[in-house]
Amino acid sequence: MKSSLNVEPLTGVLGARLPGIDLKSDLDKELLASLRATICEFEVVIIPDQILTPKQQVEFSHLLGPYSPVPFVKPIDEHAEVIKVVKENTEPEAFNFGGVWHSDFSFLPIPPAFTILYAIDVPSIGGDTVWASNTAAYSHLDSKTQTLLNGMSGIHSASASYSPDQQDLHSQLSNMTIETSEKAKATQEHPLICKHPETGKPSLFFNPTYVRGLKGPELKTEEEENLMKWLNQWTTGIQFTFRHKWSPGDLVIWDNRSTQHIALNDYKGARRELNRTTASDSVPPSPY
C-alpha cells in the first residue's frame, strides 16, 4: 500500500504524471483524498501501467463521484456506465469521437466533474489528446475583461453534435452507437465565469462546441458573435495546453469543471480504443 503520491508535473500550466500506483489496491482514504486534490490542482493526471476491466474502472470512478449520465451514446453491453471510444483501422475517413474542442457534456444541468479514460489499443503515432486550462485562460485576462465576462452566462446545447442532422457523421463509426435526437437542441444556461467547488479558483466555463451563445446585460448580437469568436481562439491558445501521447494501460483523469479538450484525428489507417467513464459533481456550476 502506497503512503503518498509521486507527482511529476508535465507542463508549467496543467498536467501531471502519477507513476507507481495500482488503482485496484493502493487507494486508502488518505491517498484517495490526495489523488482528488491533485486532479483538481493539475486538472489532468496520467496514471500509467494500469490493468482494468470495465467493472474495475467503474468501481474506481465511483470513488470520485456517482455516475454522470451520458446522453446520445450507447454504453457497452457488459456495463451501462462504460462508453467504448473506438475507431477502427478500416475507417480512415471517419469522424474522430471527441475530435472538436469541448468540455464533456457541459450542456447538462450538472455536467460531469471528472472523466476517466483508459487506453486499450492506441496508434503508435498520432491519436493524442490535448487539454486546455480554462483556469489559466481566465487568470491571464486583464481585469477589465474579467469584469466584463463575470456578468455573463453561456448558453450550452448539444445541437452542434447530437442533433439528427449529425447522424450520418456519427454512423461512420461501426463500433460505436450514437443516437442523435431533437432533444439535443435543448439549451442550458451556466455562468461564463465559474468558481471551482473544490479549489475556489475562477475559470472560464466555455468551450466552442457546446456553448452556442452568450447572455449578458445589454449584450448586442454583433458583440455576442465577436466575443464568441474571440473566446473560441483565446481559450484554446497553445499557451494554455497540454498534449498527451497515449500508451496502452494509461488511465487519464481530467477535471471538466476547469478544462476543455480535443482528441486528434491524425492516425489514418490505425486503430484506437479506450474505455470512458464519468463521475458527477454534486452541484451545478456556480458563478465566481
Foldseek 3Di string as FASTA:
>chain_A
DDDEWDWAADDPFAETETEDDALVPDDDPVHLVVVVVNQVVRQKYKYFDYDDDPVRVQVSLVSVADFDDDPQWAPDPVDRQKRKQKAALVLQPADHVQAFKDQAPLQDQFGFFKKKKAWAFDDPDAFKKKKFFQLVLQVPDDPVVNVVLLQKKFKFFQCQPAAPVCVVRVVSGPPIGGHGYPRRGDIDIARQWFQPPPPRGIGGLDILNTRPWMDGVPQDPVNTVVVSVVCNDSRPDPVRMDMDDDDHRMMMMGGSRTMIMRTHSDRRSGMTIMMMGTHTDPHGTDRD
